[in-house]
Amino acid sequence: MISEIFGYLSGIVILLAFIPYLRDIFLGKTKPERASWLIWGILGSIALASQYAKGASFSLLFNGVQTFGDLFIFILAIRYGIGGFMKRDIFALIGVAIGLVLWYLTKEAALALLIVIFIDGTGTVLTIIKSYENPTTETMSAWILTALGGLLACIAVGKFNIILLAFPFYTFLANLGIIASIKLGLKKQTLNIKN
């Protein structure tokens, strides 16, 4: 019962996280990093399938909502985003391709999930760099809600199972990293203005 409640809460919070992000995209404030959202959409789909294969239940709500939202934002990023063809973007996309091949060859859900987290981290690094360089092109509240959704999904797992906890806990930490990069980027801009 507790797992079910937290599973629903995580899905709701992730869904809510997309609202300010989408609003800011259409207002021209937020500029999604294209390669990051493509990576997150593809890898979220793989994580969803591998967690399902390993027996996840209510924590899948978090991942399902997040994956759908990530793919939708990628579609919007094609028109409203930035990046996609820089060296770091191409390197990250090559990493995704290698991860997909490894996942296909191993056919092991747990290994696929670890590969997904590693490659997803590549997308996160792209957004962390972009958020630090251009902090006003991100929506802080969306990242805070996504971190909260990851934490709630950890609770939704309902037991200590490192495989089932891995992706939501990684999501929580990754979003904290993006939040920190936005804050540091804003601080850097403030210091540059003063100097």
Protein backbone atom coordinates (compact mmCIF):
# COMPACT_ATOMS: atom_id res chain seq x y z
CA MET A 1 0.00 0.00 0.00
CA ILE A 2 2.80 2.47 0.89
CA SER A 3 4.67 1.54 -2.31
CA GLU A 4 1.56 2.16 -4.35
CA ILE A 5 0.97 5.60 -2.79
CA PHE A 6 4.57 6.69 -3.32
CA GLY A 7 4.51 5.27 -6.86
CA TYR A 8 1.51 7.42 -7.71
CA LEU A 9 3.05 10.44 -5.97
CA SER A 10 6.28 10.06 -7.92
CA GLY A 11 4.36 9.90 -11.21
CA ILE A 12 2.31 12.98 -10.29
CA VAL A 13 5.37 14.99 -9.22
CA ILE A 14 7.24 14.09 -12.43
CA LEU A 15 4.20 15.08 -14.46
CA LEU A 16 4.05 18.40 -12.58
CA ALA A 17 7.77 18.96 -13.28
CA PHE A 18 7.06 19.15 -16.99
CA ILE A 19 4.46 21.94 -16.62
CA PRO A 20 6.84 24.84 -15.76
CA TYR A 21 9.44 23.47 -18.17
CA LEU A 22 6.98 23.36 -21.07
CA ARG A 23 5.60 26.79 -20.15
CA ASP A 24 9.11 28.27 -20.21
CA ILE A 25 9.94 26.61 -23.53
CA PHE A 26 6.93 28.26 -25.14
CA LEU A 27 7.77 31.59 -23.47
CA GLY A 28 11.28 31.39 -24.96
CA LYS A 29 12.99 31.25 -21.55
CA THR A 30 14.05 27.61 -21.47
CA LYS A 31 16.21 26.20 -24.25
CA PRO A 32 16.46 22.39 -23.86
CA GLU A 33 19.78 20.76 -24.75
CA ARG A 34 18.71 18.57 -27.70
CA ALA A 35 21.17 15.71 -27.28
CA SER A 36 20.38 15.40 -23.56
CA TRP A 37 16.64 15.04 -24.14
CA LEU A 38 17.16 12.54 -26.97
CA ILE A 39 19.47 10.46 -24.75
CA TRP A 40 17.05 10.64 -21.82
CA GLY A 41 14.12 9.60 -23.97
CA ILE A 42 15.87 6.60 -25.49
CA LEU A 43 17.50 5.45 -22.29
CA GLY A 44 14.39 6.03 -20.21
CA SER A 45 12.63 3.60 -22.52
CA ILE A 46 15.34 1.00 -21.95
CA ALA A 47 15.33 1.56 -18.18
CA LEU A 48 11.55 1.19 -18.15
CA ALA A 49 11.76 -2.13 -19.98
CA SER A 50 14.62 -3.47 -17.85
CA GLN A 51 13.00 -2.48 -14.55
CA TYR A 52 9.76 -4.10 -15.67
CA ALA A 53 11.70 -7.25 -16.55
CA LYS A 54 13.24 -7.25 -13.05
CA GLY A 55 9.86 -7.04 -11.34
CA ALA A 56 9.35 -3.35 -10.63
CA SER A 57 5.74 -2.33 -10.11
CA PHE A 58 4.61 1.04 -8.75
CA SER A 59 8.03 2.65 -9.18
CA LEU A 60 7.46 2.19 -12.94
CA LEU A 61 4.95 5.06 -12.86
CA PHE A 62 7.83 7.46 -12.24
CA ASN A 63 9.90 6.12 -15.10
CA GLY A 64 6.97 5.84 -17.52
CA VAL A 65 5.84 9.43 -17.03
CA GLN A 66 9.42 10.69 -17.16
CA THR A 67 10.20 8.80 -20.38
CA PHE A 68 7.08 10.08 -22.15
CA GLY A 69 7.86 13.64 -21.03
CA ASP A 70 11.51 13.37 -22.07
CA LEU A 71 10.54 12.24 -25.58
CA PHE A 72 7.99 15.05 -25.85
CA ILE A 73 10.55 17.67 -24.77
CA PHE A 74 13.05 16.27 -27.28
CA ILE A 75 10.49 16.83 -30.04
CA LEU A 76 10.06 20.44 -28.85
CA ALA A 77 13.85 20.85 -28.51
CA ILE A 78 14.26 20.23 -32.23
CA ARG A 79 12.63 23.64 -32.77
CA TYR A 80 13.17 25.47 -29.47
CA GLY A 81 16.37 23.94 -28.10
CA ILE A 82 20.11 24.34 -28.46
CA GLY A 83 23.00 21.98 -29.10
CA GLY A 84 22.97 18.68 -30.86
CA PHE A 85 25.95 18.88 -33.17
CA MET A 86 28.77 19.99 -30.90
CA LYS A 87 31.59 17.50 -30.27
CA ARG A 88 30.35 16.73 -26.77
CA ASP A 89 26.84 16.01 -28.13
CA ILE A 90 28.15 13.69 -30.83
CA PHE A 91 30.38 11.90 -28.30
CA ALA A 92 27.38 11.38 -26.02
CA LEU A 93 25.23 10.03 -28.86
CA ILE A 94 27.98 7.60 -29.85
CA GLY A 95 28.02 6.44 -26.22
CA VAL A 96 24.28 5.83 -26.43
CA ALA A 97 24.75 3.72 -29.55
CA ILE A 98 27.47 1.65 -27.87
CA GLY A 99 25.26 1.18 -24.81
CA LEU A 100 22.37 0.01 -26.96
CA VAL A 101 24.60 -2.53 -28.70
CA LEU A 102 25.93 -3.79 -25.35
CA TRP A 103 22.38 -4.06 -24.00
CA TYR A 104 21.29 -6.02 -27.08
CA LEU A 105 24.28 -8.36 -26.86
CA THR A 106 23.96 -9.08 -23.13
CA LYS A 107 20.17 -9.42 -22.99
CA GLU A 108 20.58 -9.00 -19.22
CA ALA A 109 18.17 -6.47 -17.71
CA ALA A 110 20.39 -5.61 -14.71
CA LEU A 111 23.45 -4.93 -16.88
CA ALA A 112 21.30 -2.94 -19.30
CA LEU A 113 20.09 -0.77 -16.44
CA LEU A 114 23.66 -0.02 -15.32
CA ILE A 115 24.64 0.81 -18.90
CA VAL A 116 21.57 3.05 -19.16
CA ILE A 117 22.51 4.93 -16.00
CA PHE A 118 26.08 5.44 -17.19
CA ILE A 119 25.00 6.74 -20.60
CA ASP A 120 22.14 8.76 -19.14
CA GLY A 121 24.80 10.43 -17.03
CA THR A 122 26.40 11.57 -20.28
CA GLY A 123 23.19 13.41 -21.14
CA THR A 124 23.12 14.84 -17.65
CA VAL A 125 26.68 16.13 -17.99
CA LEU A 126 25.68 17.91 -21.23
CA THR A 127 22.84 19.67 -19.41
CA ILE A 128 25.02 20.43 -16.38
CA ILE A 129 27.58 22.13 -18.64
CA LYS A 130 24.86 24.01 -20.53
CA SER A 131 23.12 25.00 -17.28
CA TYR A 132 26.35 26.37 -15.84
CA GLU A 133 27.22 28.28 -19.02
CA ASN A 134 23.64 29.54 -19.58
CA PRO A 135 21.73 29.16 -16.29
CA THR A 136 18.86 31.40 -17.35
CA THR A 137 17.96 28.93 -20.12
CA GLU A 138 16.76 26.34 -17.61
CA THR A 139 13.71 26.10 -15.34
CA MET A 140 14.91 25.41 -11.80
CA SER A 141 11.51 24.33 -10.46
CA ALA A 142 11.29 21.53 -13.04
CA TRP A 143 14.59 20.05 -11.89
CA ILE A 144 13.61 20.35 -8.22
CA LEU A 145 10.34 18.51 -8.87
CA THR A 146 12.14 15.83 -10.89
CA ALA A 147 14.61 15.28 -8.03
CA LEU A 148 11.66 14.95 -5.65
CA GLY A 149 9.99 12.51 -8.04
CA GLY A 150 13.14 10.37 -8.04
CA LEU A 151 13.21 10.35 -4.25
CA LEU A 152 9.53 9.37 -4.08
CA ALA A 153 10.15 6.59 -6.62
CA CYS A 154 12.93 5.25 -4.36
CA ILE A 155 10.39 4.96 -1.55
CA ALA A 156 7.91 3.35 -3.98
CA VAL A 157 10.32 0.45 -4.52
CA GLY A 158 9.28 -0.64 -1.03
CA LYS A 159 12.33 -2.74 -0.22
CA PHE A 160 16.08 -2.58 -0.51
CA ASN A 161 16.73 -3.85 -4.01
CA ILE A 162 19.74 -2.18 -5.58
CA ILE A 163 18.58 -2.87 -9.14
CA LEU A 164 15.12 -1.42 -8.59
CA LEU A 165 16.51 1.53 -6.61
CA ALA A 166 19.33 2.32 -9.05
CA PHE A 167 17.49 4.40 -11.64
CA PRO A 168 15.27 6.49 -9.35
CA PHE A 169 18.19 7.17 -7.00
CA TYR A 170 20.42 8.10 -9.91
CA THR A 171 17.65 10.43 -11.16
CA PHE A 172 17.50 12.10 -7.75
CA LEU A 173 21.28 12.67 -7.70
CA ALA A 174 21.50 13.75 -11.35
CA ASN A 175 18.85 16.40 -10.83
CA LEU A 176 20.64 17.68 -7.75
CA GLY A 177 23.69 18.10 -10.01
CA ILE A 178 21.68 20.11 -12.55
CA ILE A 179 20.20 22.27 -9.78
CA ALA A 180 23.69 22.93 -8.41
CA SER A 181 25.01 23.87 -11.88
CA ILE A 182 22.17 26.35 -12.40
CA LYS A 183 22.85 27.94 -8.99
CA LEU A 184 26.61 28.10 -9.63
CA GLY A 185 26.04 29.54 -13.11
CA LEU A 186 23.73 32.23 -11.72
CA LYS A 187 26.29 33.05 -9.02
CA LYS A 188 29.03 33.31 -11.66
CA GLN A 189 26.86 35.67 -13.74
CA THR A 190 26.17 37.83 -10.67
CA LEU A 191 29.89 38.04 -9.88
CA ASN A 192 30.69 38.94 -13.51
CA ILE A 193 28.11 41.74 -13.43
CA LYS A 194 29.60 43.16 -10.23
CA ASN A 195 33.13 43.11 -11.66
